Amino acid sequence: MDGLVLPTTRLLPSRASREQRFRSAVDASYDVVWRFLRRLGVPEAAAEDAVQQVLLVFAKKLDTVEPLAERSFLLATALRVAADYRKQASRRREVSDDLALGGEPSLAPDAEAELDRRRARRVLDDILARLPTELCHVFVMCDLEELTMSEAAHALGIPAGTVASRLRKAREMFGELAAAERRRLGSEPDAAKGGAR
């Protein structure tokens, strides 16, 4: 055995350290991934399943994900899962969450606040759905989930300059759409009064 040189190999992380890294990433990013999927059009009823798909991919590829890049990897995976979901949903017609529940308000103690929150969520989802996909992705990542431009660039696999350009356009378009929505919502009561005469 003297003189035998063994090749150097990268030491694989122990099972315990892998599990700890996975758990830490999930604990830190679960809510972010869930909201991100919702904001990319995955209905609330399907969001939990979509998050589980993202986590399965992450678990399989954990050893290839650079340390401190876990959240970027999770969001990049969530982009693909949301895109797959939208393709599947376009093939089948389903009743929306609100229609399936009959539009009934929550019976929680503060039902009015919950109803307002749901309405605001619906308006936000509608505006995000009208943004071009590439603009929506950077807007949700940077402005809603508060990722840095470099984190968004890493997750999307595009240059940071492209993220900055898309984010500027997304903010302009979002502002225009939000202003139009405010005008529309502000004029609804007047239209209802006019129709009642």
Protein backbone atom coordinates (compact mmCIF):
# COMPACT_ATOMS: atom_id res chain seq x y z
CA MET A 1 0.00 0.00 0.00
CA ASP A 2 3.03 2.27 0.33
CA GLY A 3 3.21 4.68 -2.56
CA LEU A 4 -0.49 4.23 -3.40
CA VAL A 5 -2.14 7.60 -3.81
CA LEU A 6 -5.86 7.64 -3.34
CA PRO A 7 -7.78 10.22 -5.37
CA THR A 8 -9.15 13.07 -3.34
CA THR A 9 -12.91 13.15 -3.27
CA ARG A 10 -15.36 15.70 -2.07
CA LEU A 11 -16.75 14.60 1.23
CA LEU A 12 -20.47 14.14 1.15
CA PRO A 13 -22.39 15.85 3.91
CA SER A 14 -23.72 13.60 6.62
CA ARG A 15 -27.37 12.66 6.61
CA ALA A 16 -27.95 14.71 9.76
CA SER A 17 -26.36 17.83 8.25
CA ARG A 18 -28.40 17.39 5.03
CA GLU A 19 -31.60 17.08 7.04
CA GLN A 20 -30.69 20.13 9.11
CA ARG A 21 -29.93 22.17 5.99
CA PHE A 22 -33.19 21.07 4.37
CA ARG A 23 -35.20 21.86 7.52
CA SER A 24 -33.55 25.27 7.94
CA ALA A 25 -34.26 26.23 4.32
CA VAL A 26 -37.87 25.05 4.57
CA ASP A 27 -38.42 26.90 7.86
CA ALA A 28 -36.96 30.09 6.40
CA SER A 29 -38.70 29.96 3.01
CA TYR A 30 -41.95 27.99 3.28
CA ASP A 31 -44.22 31.04 3.61
CA VAL A 32 -42.34 32.87 0.86
CA VAL A 33 -42.73 29.95 -1.55
CA TRP A 34 -46.45 29.57 -0.70
CA ARG A 35 -47.14 33.28 -1.30
CA PHE A 36 -45.02 33.27 -4.44
CA LEU A 37 -47.01 30.38 -5.91
CA ARG A 38 -50.29 32.10 -5.03
CA ARG A 39 -49.12 35.32 -6.67
CA LEU A 40 -48.20 33.40 -9.80
CA GLY A 41 -51.78 32.17 -10.14
CA VAL A 42 -51.87 28.91 -8.18
CA PRO A 43 -55.27 28.82 -6.38
CA GLU A 44 -55.26 28.64 -2.59
CA ALA A 45 -56.74 25.13 -2.65
CA ALA A 46 -53.78 23.87 -4.72
CA ALA A 47 -51.00 25.94 -3.13
CA GLU A 48 -50.09 23.37 -0.48
CA ASP A 49 -49.65 20.63 -3.10
CA ALA A 50 -47.59 22.98 -5.25
CA VAL A 51 -45.30 23.80 -2.30
CA GLN A 52 -44.83 20.08 -1.69
CA GLN A 53 -43.77 19.64 -5.34
CA VAL A 54 -41.21 22.42 -4.91
CA LEU A 55 -39.87 20.83 -1.72
CA LEU A 56 -39.58 17.39 -3.36
CA VAL A 57 -37.41 18.87 -6.11
CA PHE A 58 -35.34 20.70 -3.51
CA ALA A 59 -34.83 17.52 -1.47
CA LYS A 60 -33.67 15.61 -4.55
CA LYS A 61 -31.26 18.34 -5.65
CA LEU A 62 -30.11 19.54 -2.23
CA ASP A 63 -26.49 18.48 -2.76
CA THR A 64 -26.26 20.51 -5.98
CA VAL A 65 -27.65 23.73 -4.45
CA GLU A 66 -24.96 26.17 -3.36
CA PRO A 67 -25.02 27.14 0.31
CA LEU A 68 -26.96 30.39 0.87
CA ALA A 69 -28.69 29.96 -2.51
CA GLU A 70 -31.51 27.81 -1.16
CA ARG A 71 -34.20 30.48 -1.38
CA SER A 72 -33.25 31.38 -4.95
CA PHE A 73 -33.40 27.71 -5.89
CA LEU A 74 -36.79 27.27 -4.21
CA LEU A 75 -38.27 30.28 -6.02
CA ALA A 76 -36.82 29.23 -9.38
CA THR A 77 -38.40 25.81 -8.84
CA ALA A 78 -41.67 27.46 -7.80
CA LEU A 79 -41.67 29.37 -11.11
CA ARG A 80 -41.63 26.08 -13.01
CA VAL A 81 -44.23 24.45 -10.76
CA ALA A 82 -46.56 27.44 -11.18
CA ALA A 83 -46.08 27.38 -14.96
CA ASP A 84 -46.89 23.66 -15.01
CA TYR A 85 -49.97 24.28 -12.90
CA ARG A 86 -51.19 27.04 -15.24
CA LYS A 87 -50.77 24.69 -18.22
CA GLN A 88 -52.75 21.97 -16.46
CA ALA A 89 -55.43 24.42 -15.32
CA SER A 90 -55.89 25.74 -18.86
CA ARG A 91 -56.69 22.19 -19.96
CA ARG A 92 -59.44 21.76 -17.40
CA ARG A 93 -62.12 24.11 -16.22
CA GLU A 94 -62.52 24.41 -12.49
CA VAL A 95 -64.74 26.51 -10.30
CA SER A 96 -62.75 29.26 -8.62
CA ASP A 97 -62.15 29.11 -4.87
CA ASP A 98 -64.68 31.87 -4.20
CA LEU A 99 -67.41 30.35 -6.36
CA ALA A 100 -66.87 26.90 -4.86
CA LEU A 101 -67.52 28.38 -1.44
CA GLY A 102 -70.57 30.28 -2.65
CA GLY A 103 -68.89 33.59 -1.93
CA GLU A 104 -69.75 33.18 1.74
CA PRO A 105 -67.74 35.36 4.12
CA SER A 106 -65.67 33.72 6.80
CA LEU A 107 -67.38 32.98 10.11
CA ALA A 108 -64.22 34.04 11.92
CA PRO A 109 -64.68 36.67 14.65
CA ASP A 110 -63.62 39.51 12.31
CA ALA A 111 -65.46 38.45 9.16
CA GLU A 112 -65.52 41.96 7.68
CA ALA A 113 -61.72 42.30 7.86
CA GLU A 114 -61.30 38.84 6.35
CA LEU A 115 -63.66 39.74 3.51
CA ASP A 116 -61.72 42.96 2.85
CA ARG A 117 -58.46 40.98 2.86
CA ARG A 118 -59.88 38.51 0.33
CA ARG A 119 -61.11 41.31 -1.91
CA ALA A 120 -57.72 43.02 -1.79
CA ARG A 121 -56.02 39.69 -2.57
CA ARG A 122 -58.35 39.17 -5.53
CA VAL A 123 -57.57 42.66 -6.88
CA LEU A 124 -53.82 42.07 -6.45
CA ASP A 125 -54.07 38.66 -8.17
CA ASP A 126 -56.03 40.20 -11.06
CA ILE A 127 -53.45 42.95 -11.55
CA LEU A 128 -50.54 40.49 -11.37
CA ALA A 129 -52.28 38.26 -13.93
CA ARG A 130 -52.36 41.19 -16.37
CA LEU A 131 -48.61 41.79 -16.13
CA PRO A 132 -46.48 40.03 -18.77
CA THR A 133 -45.00 36.89 -17.20
CA GLU A 134 -41.38 38.05 -17.20
CA LEU A 135 -42.36 41.35 -15.56
CA CYS A 136 -44.62 39.64 -13.03
CA HIS A 137 -41.82 37.33 -11.91
CA VAL A 138 -39.37 40.10 -11.09
CA PHE A 139 -42.08 42.30 -9.52
CA VAL A 140 -43.25 39.53 -7.19
CA MET A 141 -39.70 38.52 -6.28
CA CYS A 142 -38.31 42.00 -5.66
CA ASP A 143 -41.25 44.12 -4.54
CA LEU A 144 -43.55 41.63 -2.86
CA GLU A 145 -41.11 39.02 -1.53
CA GLU A 146 -38.30 41.55 -1.05
CA LEU A 147 -35.52 39.59 -2.73
CA THR A 148 -32.52 41.59 -3.84
CA MET A 149 -32.04 42.07 -7.56
CA SER A 150 -29.04 39.74 -7.48
CA GLU A 151 -31.12 37.03 -5.74
CA ALA A 152 -33.86 37.44 -8.35
CA ALA A 153 -31.28 37.34 -11.14
CA HIS A 154 -29.83 34.12 -9.73
CA ALA A 155 -33.28 32.51 -9.37
CA LEU A 156 -34.34 33.51 -12.89
CA GLY A 157 -30.96 32.82 -14.51
CA ILE A 158 -30.76 36.29 -16.07
CA PRO A 159 -28.35 39.24 -15.64
CA ALA A 160 -29.01 41.70 -12.81
CA GLY A 161 -29.31 44.50 -15.38
CA THR A 162 -32.19 42.66 -17.02
CA VAL A 163 -33.88 42.29 -13.64
CA ALA A 164 -33.50 46.04 -13.03
CA SER A 165 -34.96 46.89 -16.44
CA ARG A 166 -37.88 44.49 -16.06
CA LEU A 167 -38.55 45.68 -12.52
CA ARG A 168 -38.75 49.30 -13.66
CA LYS A 169 -41.22 48.37 -16.42
CA ALA A 170 -43.20 46.15 -14.04
CA ARG A 171 -43.51 48.93 -11.46
CA GLU A 172 -44.74 51.37 -14.11
CA MET A 173 -47.27 48.91 -15.49
CA PHE A 174 -48.41 47.84 -12.02
CA GLY A 175 -48.92 51.49 -11.04
CA GLU A 176 -51.01 52.14 -14.16
CA LEU A 177 -53.12 49.01 -13.63
CA ALA A 178 -53.61 49.76 -9.93
CA ALA A 179 -54.69 53.35 -10.71
CA ALA A 180 -57.18 52.07 -13.29
CA GLU A 181 -58.51 49.55 -10.76
CA ARG A 182 -58.91 52.28 -8.11
CA ARG A 183 -60.83 54.42 -10.63
CA ARG A 184 -63.02 51.45 -11.55
CA LEU A 185 -63.74 50.55 -7.93
CA GLY A 186 -64.35 54.20 -7.07
CA SER A 187 -66.94 54.54 -9.83
CA GLU A 188 -68.88 51.34 -9.06
CA PRO A 189 -71.06 52.82 -6.30
CA ASP A 190 -71.96 55.78 -8.57
CA ALA A 191 -72.89 53.41 -11.38
CA ALA A 192 -75.03 51.37 -9.00
CA LYS A 193 -76.84 54.50 -7.81
CA GLY A 194 -77.43 55.62 -11.39
CA GLY A 195 -78.87 52.22 -12.33
CA ALA A 196 -81.23 52.23 -9.37
CA ARG A 197 -83.10 55.34 -10.52
